[in-house]
Each structure stands twice: as C-alpha cells, then as structure tokens.
C-alpha cells in the first residue's frame, strides 16, 4: 500500500460510497453491489482497486467473498497528513 494508491482509490465517488457502506460492518460483494445501479463486473473492478490500495480486507467465507474496512490504512494516511501539516508549522 502506498499513500498514492490510497488517494487514487479515494478519488472516485463510487469507491468512497463502498467504504462508507463498509464502515457499518462487513459485506459480501453481492451486498455491496445491491447498493449501486451498475454491473457486477464494474463493482468488482472498484473492489479490486480498493483491495490493491489496502483500504479493504478480503476474506472468503464459504461461497462468499466478504469485504471489510482496513482502518490501519486510514491511520497511516492521517499520520502522513498530520506530519505534513506540522512540517509547515
């Protein structure tokens, strides 16, 4: 995970909405897709980008792929932002 990958993933409103859904708990790919009016392959692409950026954890549970929020990445981003702000102080 790089900060660049995280910011790139966060730049898309669909991916931000997916993260917003996950803040309430783990969801399957199908449950996530049910919240959007787009094809499952499109949602899968968004989920893959979030995974590559390290913003979500992915776990297979039986037949389902379950996604959860990786809060440690957000902590890393916040630390980077605080460090950046303090260097200007």
PDB file of N, CA and C in Angstrom:
ATOM      1  N   UNK A   1       0.847  -1.180   0.000  1.00  0.00           N
ATOM      2  CA  UNK A   1       0.000   0.000   0.000  1.00  0.00           C
ATOM      3  C   UNK A   1       0.882   1.229   0.000  1.00  0.00           C
ATOM      4  N   UNK A   2       0.557   2.143  -0.888  1.00  0.00           N
ATOM      5  CA  UNK A   2       1.215   3.440  -0.865  1.00  0.00           C
ATOM      6  C   UNK A   2       0.148   4.504  -0.660  1.00  0.00           C
ATOM      7  N   UNK A   3       0.571   5.624  -0.162  1.00  0.00           N
ATOM      8  CA  UNK A   3      -0.360   6.738   0.022  1.00  0.00           C
ATOM      9  C   UNK A   3      -0.941   7.133  -1.333  1.00  0.00           C
ATOM     10  N   UNK A   4      -0.118   7.065  -2.384  1.00  0.00           N
ATOM     11  CA  UNK A   4      -0.605   7.404  -3.729  1.00  0.00           C
ATOM     12  C   UNK A   4      -1.750   6.482  -4.151  1.00  0.00           C
ATOM     13  N   UNK A   5      -1.588   5.174  -3.904  1.00  0.00           N
ATOM     14  CA  UNK A   5      -2.647   4.224  -4.258  1.00  0.00           C
ATOM     15  C   UNK A   5      -3.921   4.517  -3.479  1.00  0.00           C
ATOM     16  N   UNK A   6      -3.757   4.839  -2.211  1.00  0.00           N
ATOM     17  CA  UNK A   6      -4.926   5.130  -1.379  1.00  0.00           C
ATOM     18  C   UNK A   6      -5.648   6.372  -1.884  1.00  0.00           C
ATOM     19  N   UNK A   7      -4.907   7.433  -2.183  1.00  0.00           N
ATOM     20  CA  UNK A   7      -5.551   8.646  -2.680  1.00  0.00           C
ATOM     21  C   UNK A   7      -6.202   8.422  -4.038  1.00  0.00           C
ATOM     22  N   UNK A   8      -5.563   7.645  -4.887  1.00  0.00           N
ATOM     23  CA  UNK A   8      -6.162   7.336  -6.186  1.00  0.00           C
ATOM     24  C   UNK A   8      -7.481   6.588  -5.991  1.00  0.00           C
ATOM     25  N   UNK A   9      -7.491   5.605  -5.088  1.00  0.00           N
ATOM     26  CA  UNK A   9      -8.711   4.846  -4.820  1.00  0.00           C
ATOM     27  C   UNK A   9      -9.788   5.749  -4.237  1.00  0.00           C
ATOM     28  N   UNK A  10      -9.401   6.666  -3.369  1.00  0.00           N
ATOM     29  CA  UNK A  10     -10.368   7.558  -2.721  1.00  0.00           C
ATOM     30  C   UNK A  10     -10.896   8.644  -3.650  1.00  0.00           C
ATOM     31  N   UNK A  11     -10.266   8.823  -4.796  1.00  0.00           N
ATOM     32  CA  UNK A  11     -10.678   9.898  -5.708  1.00  0.00           C
ATOM     33  C   UNK A  11     -12.003   9.607  -6.402  1.00  0.00           C
ATOM     34  N   UNK A  12     -12.466   8.372  -6.363  1.00  0.00           N
ATOM     35  CA  UNK A  12     -13.694   8.001  -7.071  1.00  0.00           C
ATOM     36  C   UNK A  12     -14.882   7.958  -6.109  1.00  0.00           C
ATOM     37  N   UNK A  13     -15.998   8.619  -6.453  1.00  0.00           N
ATOM     38  CA  UNK A  13     -17.155   8.648  -5.553  1.00  0.00           C
ATOM     39  C   UNK A  13     -17.775   7.272  -5.304  1.00  0.00           C
ATOM     40  N   UNK A  14     -17.722   6.378  -6.274  1.00  0.00           N
ATOM     41  CA  UNK A  14     -18.263   5.032  -6.068  1.00  0.00           C
ATOM     42  C   UNK A  14     -17.452   4.297  -5.009  1.00  0.00           C
ATOM     43  N   UNK A  15     -16.136   4.411  -5.095  1.00  0.00           N
ATOM     44  CA  UNK A  15     -15.292   3.735  -4.113  1.00  0.00           C
ATOM     45  C   UNK A  15     -15.461   4.351  -2.726  1.00  0.00           C
ATOM     46  N   UNK A  16     -15.649   5.665  -2.663  1.00  0.00           N
ATOM     47  CA  UNK A  16     -15.904   6.290  -1.363  1.00  0.00           C
ATOM     48  C   UNK A  16     -17.224   5.805  -0.780  1.00  0.00           C
ATOM     49  N   UNK A  17     -18.228   5.609  -1.618  1.00  0.00           N
ATOM     50  CA  UNK A  17     -19.515   5.103  -1.131  1.00  0.00           C
ATOM     51  C   UNK A  17     -19.356   3.658  -0.631  1.00  0.00           C
ATOM     52  N   UNK A  18     -18.577   2.851  -1.323  1.00  0.00           N
ATOM     53  CA  UNK A  18     -18.328   1.478  -0.872  1.00  0.00           C
ATOM     54  C   UNK A  18     -17.693   1.500   0.513  1.00  0.00           C
ATOM     55  N   UNK A  19     -16.697   2.358   0.707  1.00  0.00           N
ATOM     56  CA  UNK A  19     -16.053   2.464   2.014  1.00  0.00           C
ATOM     57  C   UNK A  19     -17.040   2.930   3.074  1.00  0.00           C
ATOM     58  N   UNK A  20     -17.916   3.844   2.690  1.00  0.00           N
ATOM     59  CA  UNK A  20     -18.938   4.329   3.615  1.00  0.00           C
ATOM     60  C   UNK A  20     -19.873   3.194   4.035  1.00  0.00           C
ATOM     61  N   UNK A  21     -20.232   2.330   3.093  1.00  0.00           N
ATOM     62  CA  UNK A  21     -21.070   1.175   3.418  1.00  0.00           C
ATOM     63  C   UNK A  21     -20.355   0.235   4.380  1.00  0.00           C
ATOM     64  N   UNK A  22     -19.060   0.049   4.168  1.00  0.00           N
ATOM     65  CA  UNK A  22     -18.288  -0.891   4.985  1.00  0.00           C
ATOM     66  C   UNK A  22     -18.016  -0.383   6.398  1.00  0.00           C
ATOM     67  N   UNK A  23     -18.168   0.907   6.619  1.00  0.00           N
ATOM     68  CA  UNK A  23     -17.923   1.411   7.975  1.00  0.00           C
ATOM     69  C   UNK A  23     -18.956   0.864   8.962  1.00  0.00           C
ATOM     70  N   UNK A  24     -20.083   0.375   8.441  1.00  0.00           N
ATOM     71  CA  UNK A  24     -21.123  -0.197   9.292  1.00  0.00           C
ATOM     72  C   UNK A  24     -20.943  -1.692   9.519  1.00  0.00           C
ATOM     73  N   UNK A  25     -19.959  -2.298   8.864  1.00  0.00           N
ATOM     74  CA  UNK A  25     -19.695  -3.720   9.050  1.00  0.00           C
ATOM     75  C   UNK A  25     -19.353  -4.408   7.750  1.00  0.00           C
ATOM     76  N   UNK A  26     -18.916  -5.653   7.874  1.00  0.00           N
ATOM     77  CA  UNK A  26     -18.518  -6.448   6.719  1.00  0.00           C
ATOM     78  C   UNK A  26     -19.702  -6.694   5.786  1.00  0.00           C
ATOM     79  N   UNK A  27     -19.403  -6.738   4.489  1.00  0.00           N
ATOM     80  CA  UNK A  27     -20.421  -7.017   3.470  1.00  0.00           C
ATOM     81  C   UNK A  27     -19.850  -7.931   2.404  1.00  0.00           C
ATOM     82  N   UNK A  28     -20.720  -8.738   1.823  1.00  0.00           N
ATOM     83  CA  UNK A  28     -20.309  -9.548   0.681  1.00  0.00           C
ATOM     84  C   UNK A  28     -20.289  -8.666  -0.561  1.00  0.00           C
ATOM     85  N   UNK A  29     -19.640  -9.161  -1.598  1.00  0.00           N
ATOM     86  CA  UNK A  29     -19.607  -8.419  -2.862  1.00  0.00           C
ATOM     87  C   UNK A  29     -21.025  -8.181  -3.375  1.00  0.00           C
ATOM     88  N   UNK A  30     -21.887  -9.189  -3.240  1.00  0.00           N
ATOM     89  CA  UNK A  30     -23.273  -9.043  -3.690  1.00  0.00           C
ATOM     90  C   UNK A  30     -24.030  -7.994  -2.908  1.00  0.00           C
ATOM     91  N   UNK A  31     -23.815  -7.947  -1.601  1.00  0.00           N
ATOM     92  CA  UNK A  31     -24.482  -6.933  -0.770  1.00  0.00           C
ATOM     93  C   UNK A  31     -24.009  -5.534  -1.144  1.00  0.00           C
ATOM     94  N   UNK A  32     -22.743  -5.410  -1.448  1.00  0.00           N
ATOM     95  CA  UNK A  32     -22.228  -4.108  -1.888  1.00  0.00           C
ATOM     96  C   UNK A  32     -22.852  -3.727  -3.227  1.00  0.00           C
ATOM     97  N   UNK A  33     -22.860  -4.673  -4.159  1.00  0.00           N
ATOM     98  CA  UNK A  33     -23.398  -4.411  -5.500  1.00  0.00           C
ATOM     99  C   UNK A  33     -24.869  -4.005  -5.456  1.00  0.00           C
ATOM    100  N   UNK A  34     -25.621  -4.533  -4.494  1.00  0.00           N
ATOM    101  CA  UNK A  34     -27.047  -4.203  -4.376  1.00  0.00           C
ATOM    102  C   UNK A  34     -27.290  -2.714  -4.124  1.00  0.00           C
ATOM    103  N   UNK A  35     -26.266  -1.994  -3.685  1.00  0.00           N
ATOM    104  CA  UNK A  35     -26.405  -0.565  -3.382  1.00  0.00           C
ATOM    105  C   UNK A  35     -26.096   0.337  -4.574  1.00  0.00           C
ATOM    106  N   UNK A  36     -25.814  -0.263  -5.720  1.00  0.00           N
ATOM    107  CA  UNK A  36     -25.416   0.512  -6.893  1.00  0.00           C
ATOM    108  C   UNK A  36     -26.207   0.093  -8.119  1.00  0.00           C
ATOM    109  N   UNK A  37     -26.379   1.029  -9.021  1.00  0.00           N
ATOM    110  CA  UNK A  37     -27.040   0.752 -10.289  1.00  0.00           C
ATOM    111  C   UNK A  37     -25.960   0.628 -11.372  1.00  0.00           C
ATOM    112  N   UNK A  38     -25.145  -0.430 -11.226  1.00  0.00           N
ATOM    113  CA  UNK A  38     -24.107  -0.697 -12.217  1.00  0.00           C
ATOM    114  C   UNK A  38     -23.857  -2.200 -12.250  1.00  0.00           C
ATOM    115  N   UNK A  39     -23.133  -2.633 -13.239  1.00  0.00           N
ATOM    116  CA  UNK A  39     -22.915  -4.069 -13.413  1.00  0.00           C
ATOM    117  C   UNK A  39     -22.014  -4.619 -12.303  1.00  0.00           C
ATOM    118  N   UNK A  40     -22.168  -5.912 -12.037  1.00  0.00           N
ATOM    119  CA  UNK A  40     -21.317  -6.559 -11.027  1.00  0.00           C
ATOM    120  C   UNK A  40     -19.835  -6.507 -11.420  1.00  0.00           C
ATOM    121  N   UNK A  41     -19.496  -6.674 -12.713  1.00  0.00           N
ATOM    122  CA  UNK A  41     -18.073  -6.525 -13.074  1.00  0.00           C
ATOM    123  C   UNK A  41     -17.521  -5.124 -12.765  1.00  0.00           C
ATOM    124  N   UNK A  42     -18.348  -4.087 -12.921  1.00  0.00           N
ATOM    125  CA  UNK A  42     -17.899  -2.729 -12.587  1.00  0.00           C
ATOM    126  C   UNK A  42     -17.634  -2.604 -11.087  1.00  0.00           C
ATOM    127  N   UNK A  43     -18.543  -3.139 -10.280  1.00  0.00           N
ATOM    128  CA  UNK A  43     -18.358  -3.117  -8.825  1.00  0.00           C
ATOM    129  C   UNK A  43     -17.113  -3.922  -8.460  1.00  0.00           C
ATOM    130  N   UNK A  44     -16.942  -5.055  -9.100  1.00  0.00           N
ATOM    131  CA  UNK A  44     -15.778  -5.899  -8.840  1.00  0.00           C
ATOM    132  C   UNK A  44     -14.480  -5.139  -9.119  1.00  0.00           C
ATOM    133  N   UNK A  45     -14.462  -4.360 -10.170  1.00  0.00           N
ATOM    134  CA  UNK A  45     -13.289  -3.549 -10.502  1.00  0.00           C
ATOM    135  C   UNK A  45     -13.014  -2.530  -9.397  1.00  0.00           C
ATOM    136  N   UNK A  46     -14.057  -1.858  -8.921  1.00  0.00           N
ATOM    137  CA  UNK A  46     -13.896  -0.895  -7.836  1.00  0.00           C
ATOM    138  C   UNK A  46     -13.369  -1.590  -6.577  1.00  0.00           C
ATOM    139  N   UNK A  47     -13.936  -2.756  -6.265  1.00  0.00           N
ATOM    140  CA  UNK A  47     -13.498  -3.501  -5.081  1.00  0.00           C
ATOM    141  C   UNK A  47     -12.037  -3.928  -5.214  1.00  0.00           C
ATOM    142  N   UNK A  48     -11.636  -4.309  -6.408  1.00  0.00           N
ATOM    143  CA  UNK A  48     -10.255  -4.711  -6.645  1.00  0.00           C
ATOM    144  C   UNK A  48      -9.293  -3.540  -6.431  1.00  0.00           C
ATOM    145  N   UNK A  49      -9.675  -2.367  -6.896  1.00  0.00           N
ATOM    146  CA  UNK A  49      -8.824  -1.185  -6.694  1.00  0.00           C
ATOM    147  C   UNK A  49      -8.709  -0.838  -5.213  1.00  0.00           C
ATOM    148  N   UNK A  50      -9.814  -0.971  -4.472  1.00  0.00           N
ATOM    149  CA  UNK A  50      -9.776  -0.727  -3.031  1.00  0.00           C
ATOM    150  C   UNK A  50      -8.869  -1.744  -2.329  1.00  0.00           C
ATOM    151  N   UNK A  51      -8.944  -2.985  -2.795  1.00  0.00           N
ATOM    152  CA  UNK A  51      -8.093  -4.046  -2.233  1.00  0.00           C
ATOM    153  C   UNK A  51      -6.623  -3.755  -2.528  1.00  0.00           C
ATOM    154  N   UNK A  52      -6.301  -3.399  -3.777  1.00  0.00           N
ATOM    155  CA  UNK A  52      -4.922  -3.104  -4.160  1.00  0.00           C
ATOM    156  C   UNK A  52      -4.351  -1.932  -3.363  1.00  0.00           C
ATOM    157  N   UNK A  53      -5.221  -0.979  -3.032  1.00  0.00           N
ATOM    158  CA  UNK A  53      -4.786   0.181  -2.252  1.00  0.00           C
ATOM    159  C   UNK A  53      -4.683  -0.143  -0.763  1.00  0.00           C
ATOM    160  N   UNK A  54      -5.119  -1.332  -0.382  1.00  0.00           N
ATOM    161  CA  UNK A  54      -5.049  -1.733   1.015  1.00  0.00           C
ATOM    162  C   UNK A  54      -6.147  -1.147   1.882  1.00  0.00           C
ATOM    163  N   UNK A  55      -7.171  -0.578   1.255  1.00  0.00           N
ATOM    164  CA  UNK A  55      -8.244   0.061   2.015  1.00  0.00           C
ATOM    165  C   UNK A  55      -9.286  -0.928   2.523  1.00  0.00           C
ATOM    166  N   UNK A  56      -9.312  -2.119   1.937  1.00  0.00           N
ATOM    167  CA  UNK A  56     -10.247  -3.147   2.395  1.00  0.00           C
ATOM    168  C   UNK A  56      -9.513  -4.471   2.571  1.00  0.00           C
ATOM    169  N   UNK A  57     -10.035  -5.285   3.475  1.00  0.00           N
ATOM    170  CA  UNK A  57      -9.600  -6.666   3.649  1.00  0.00           C
ATOM    171  C   UNK A  57     -10.576  -7.542   2.900  1.00  0.00           C
ATOM    172  N   UNK A  58     -10.097  -8.625   2.350  1.00  0.00           N
ATOM    173  CA  UNK A  58     -10.942  -9.553   1.613  1.00  0.00           C
ATOM    174  C   UNK A  58     -10.768 -10.938   2.226  1.00  0.00           C
ATOM    175  N   UNK A  59     -11.911 -11.601   2.468  1.00  0.00           N
ATOM    176  CA  UNK A  59     -11.879 -12.935   3.055  1.00  0.00           C
ATOM    177  C   UNK A  59     -12.946 -13.800   2.393  1.00  0.00           C
ATOM    178  N   UNK A  60     -12.562 -15.006   2.045  1.00  0.00           N
ATOM    179  CA  UNK A  60     -13.540 -15.948   1.502  1.00  0.00           C
ATOM    180  C   UNK A  60     -14.199 -16.668   2.672  1.00  0.00           C
ATOM    181  N   UNK A  61     -15.536 -16.632   2.677  1.00  0.00           N
ATOM    182  CA  UNK A  61     -16.310 -17.358   3.687  1.00  0.00           C
ATOM    183  C   UNK A  61     -17.304 -18.242   2.939  1.00  0.00           C
ATOM    184  N   UNK A  62     -16.928 -19.492   2.780  1.00  0.00           N
ATOM    185  CA  UNK A  62     -17.767 -20.408   2.012  1.00  0.00           C
ATOM    186  C   UNK A  62     -17.832 -19.965   0.564  1.00  0.00           C
ATOM    187  N   UNK A  63     -19.041 -19.734   0.072  1.00  0.00           N
ATOM    188  CA  UNK A  63     -19.249 -19.301  -1.318  1.00  0.00           C
ATOM    189  C   UNK A  63     -19.053 -17.797  -1.501  1.00  0.00           C
ATOM    190  N   UNK A  64     -18.955 -17.054  -0.391  1.00  0.00           N
ATOM    191  CA  UNK A  64     -18.951 -15.594  -0.463  1.00  0.00           C
ATOM    192  C   UNK A  64     -17.555 -15.004  -0.302  1.00  0.00           C
ATOM    193  N   UNK A  65     -17.366 -13.868  -0.953  1.00  0.00           N
ATOM    194  CA  UNK A  65     -16.203 -13.022  -0.730  1.00  0.00           C
ATOM    195  C   UNK A  65     -16.699 -11.879   0.148  1.00  0.00           C
ATOM    196  N   UNK A  66     -16.078 -11.722   1.313  1.00  0.00           N
ATOM    197  CA  UNK A  66     -16.526 -10.714   2.270  1.00  0.00           C
ATOM    198  C   UNK A  66     -15.476  -9.614   2.363  1.00  0.00           C
ATOM    199  N   UNK A  67     -15.953  -8.381   2.331  1.00  0.00           N
ATOM    200  CA  UNK A  67     -15.086  -7.208   2.385  1.00  0.00           C
ATOM    201  C   UNK A  67     -15.263  -6.499   3.715  1.00  0.00           C
ATOM    202  N   UNK A  68     -14.149  -6.026   4.264  1.00  0.00           N
ATOM    203  CA  UNK A  68     -14.190  -5.235   5.488  1.00  0.00           C
ATOM    204  C   UNK A  68     -13.206  -4.084   5.368  1.00  0.00           C
ATOM    205  N   UNK A  69     -13.460  -3.054   6.127  1.00  0.00           N
ATOM    206  CA  UNK A  69     -12.642  -1.857   6.104  1.00  0.00           C
ATOM    207  C   UNK A  69     -11.314  -2.102   6.804  1.00  0.00           C
ATOM    208  N   UNK A  70     -10.232  -1.667   6.186  1.00  0.00           N
ATOM    209  CA  UNK A  70      -8.905  -1.748   6.794  1.00  0.00           C
ATOM    210  C   UNK A  70      -8.587  -0.377   7.382  1.00  0.00           C
ATOM    211  N   UNK A  71      -8.918  -0.198   8.646  1.00  0.00           N
ATOM    212  CA  UNK A  71      -8.753   1.122   9.267  1.00  0.00           C
ATOM    213  C   UNK A  71      -7.293   1.518   9.468  1.00  0.00           C
ATOM    214  N   UNK A  72      -6.380   0.559   9.485  1.00  0.00           N
ATOM    215  CA  UNK A  72      -4.973   0.915   9.695  1.00  0.00           C
ATOM    216  C   UNK A  72      -4.436   1.777   8.553  1.00  0.00           C
ATOM    217  N   UNK A  73      -4.947   1.583   7.352  1.00  0.00           N
ATOM    218  CA  UNK A  73      -4.509   2.411   6.224  1.00  0.00           C
ATOM    219  C   UNK A  73      -4.951   3.854   6.435  1.00  0.00           C
ATOM    220  N   UNK A  74      -6.163   4.033   6.948  1.00  0.00           N
ATOM    221  CA  UNK A  74      -6.645   5.384   7.206  1.00  0.00           C
ATOM    222  C   UNK A  74      -5.817   6.053   8.305  1.00  0.00           C
ATOM    223  N   UNK A  75      -5.365   5.274   9.269  1.00  0.00           N
ATOM    224  CA  UNK A  75      -4.486   5.812  10.308  1.00  0.00           C
ATOM    225  C   UNK A  75      -3.162   6.256   9.696  1.00  0.00           C
ATOM    226  N   UNK A  76      -2.629   5.475   8.758  1.00  0.00           N
ATOM    227  CA  UNK A  76      -1.386   5.845   8.076  1.00  0.00           C
ATOM    228  C   UNK A  76      -1.566   7.145   7.281  1.00  0.00           C
ATOM    229  N   UNK A  77      -2.703   7.271   6.611  1.00  0.00           N
ATOM    230  CA  UNK A  77      -2.976   8.482   5.828  1.00  0.00           C
ATOM    231  C   UNK A  77      -3.079   9.690   6.750  1.00  0.00           C
ATOM    232  N   UNK A  78      -3.793   9.522   7.864  1.00  0.00           N
ATOM    233  CA  UNK A  78      -3.934  10.632   8.810  1.00  0.00           C
ATOM    234  C   UNK A  78      -2.581  11.030   9.391  1.00  0.00           C
ATOM    235  N   UNK A  79      -1.747  10.052   9.707  1.00  0.00           N
ATOM    236  CA  UNK A  79      -0.409  10.352  10.226  1.00  0.00           C
ATOM    237  C   UNK A  79       0.382  11.144   9.194  1.00  0.00           C
ATOM    238  N   UNK A  80       0.306  10.720   7.932  1.00  0.00           N
ATOM    239  CA  UNK A  80       1.017  11.429   6.862  1.00  0.00           C
ATOM    240  C   UNK A  80       0.520  12.878   6.769  1.00  0.00           C
ATOM    241  N   UNK A  81      -0.806  13.078   6.859  1.00  0.00           N
ATOM    242  CA  UNK A  81      -1.371  14.423   6.750  1.00  0.00           C
ATOM    243  C   UNK A  81      -0.953  15.288   7.944  1.00  0.00           C
ATOM    244  N   UNK A  82      -0.961  14.712   9.137  1.00  0.00           N
ATOM    245  CA  UNK A  82      -0.557  15.459  10.334  1.00  0.00           C
ATOM    246  C   UNK A  82       0.922  15.824  10.239  1.00  0.00           C
ATOM    247  N   UNK A  83       1.759  14.867   9.815  1.00  0.00           N
ATOM    248  CA  UNK A  83       3.185  15.155   9.652  1.00  0.00           C
ATOM    249  C   UNK A  83       3.416  16.255   8.633  1.00  0.00           C
ATOM    250  N   UNK A  84       2.655  16.232   7.557  1.00  0.00           N
ATOM    251  CA  UNK A  84       2.778  17.245   6.517  1.00  0.00           C
ATOM    252  C   UNK A  84       2.395  18.610   7.082  1.00  0.00           C
ATOM    253  N   UNK A  85       1.302  18.656   7.808  1.00  0.00           N
ATOM    254  CA  UNK A  85       0.820  19.913   8.371  1.00  0.00           C
ATOM    255  C   UNK A  85       1.810  20.456   9.403  1.00  0.00           C
ATOM    256  N   UNK A  86       2.379  19.575  10.220  1.00  0.00           N
ATOM    257  CA  UNK A  86       3.319  20.016  11.250  1.00  0.00           C
ATOM    258  C   UNK A  86       4.622  20.512  10.650  1.00  0.00           C
ATOM    259  N   UNK A  87       5.003  19.976   9.500  1.00  0.00           N
ATOM    260  CA  UNK A  87       6.256  20.436   8.883  1.00  0.00           C
ATOM    261  C   UNK A  87       6.135  21.866   8.362  1.00  0.00           C
ATOM    262  N   UNK A  88       4.895  22.332   8.159  1.00  0.00           N
ATOM    263  CA  UNK A  88       4.682  23.688   7.685  1.00  0.00           C
ATOM    264  C   UNK A  88       4.628  24.690   8.847  1.00  0.00           C
ATOM    265  N   UNK A  89       4.404  24.132  10.070  1.00  0.00           N
ATOM    266  CA  UNK A  89       4.192  24.952  11.256  1.00  0.00           C
ATOM    267  C   UNK A  89       5.387  25.722  11.640  1.00  0.00           C
TER     268      UNK A  89
END
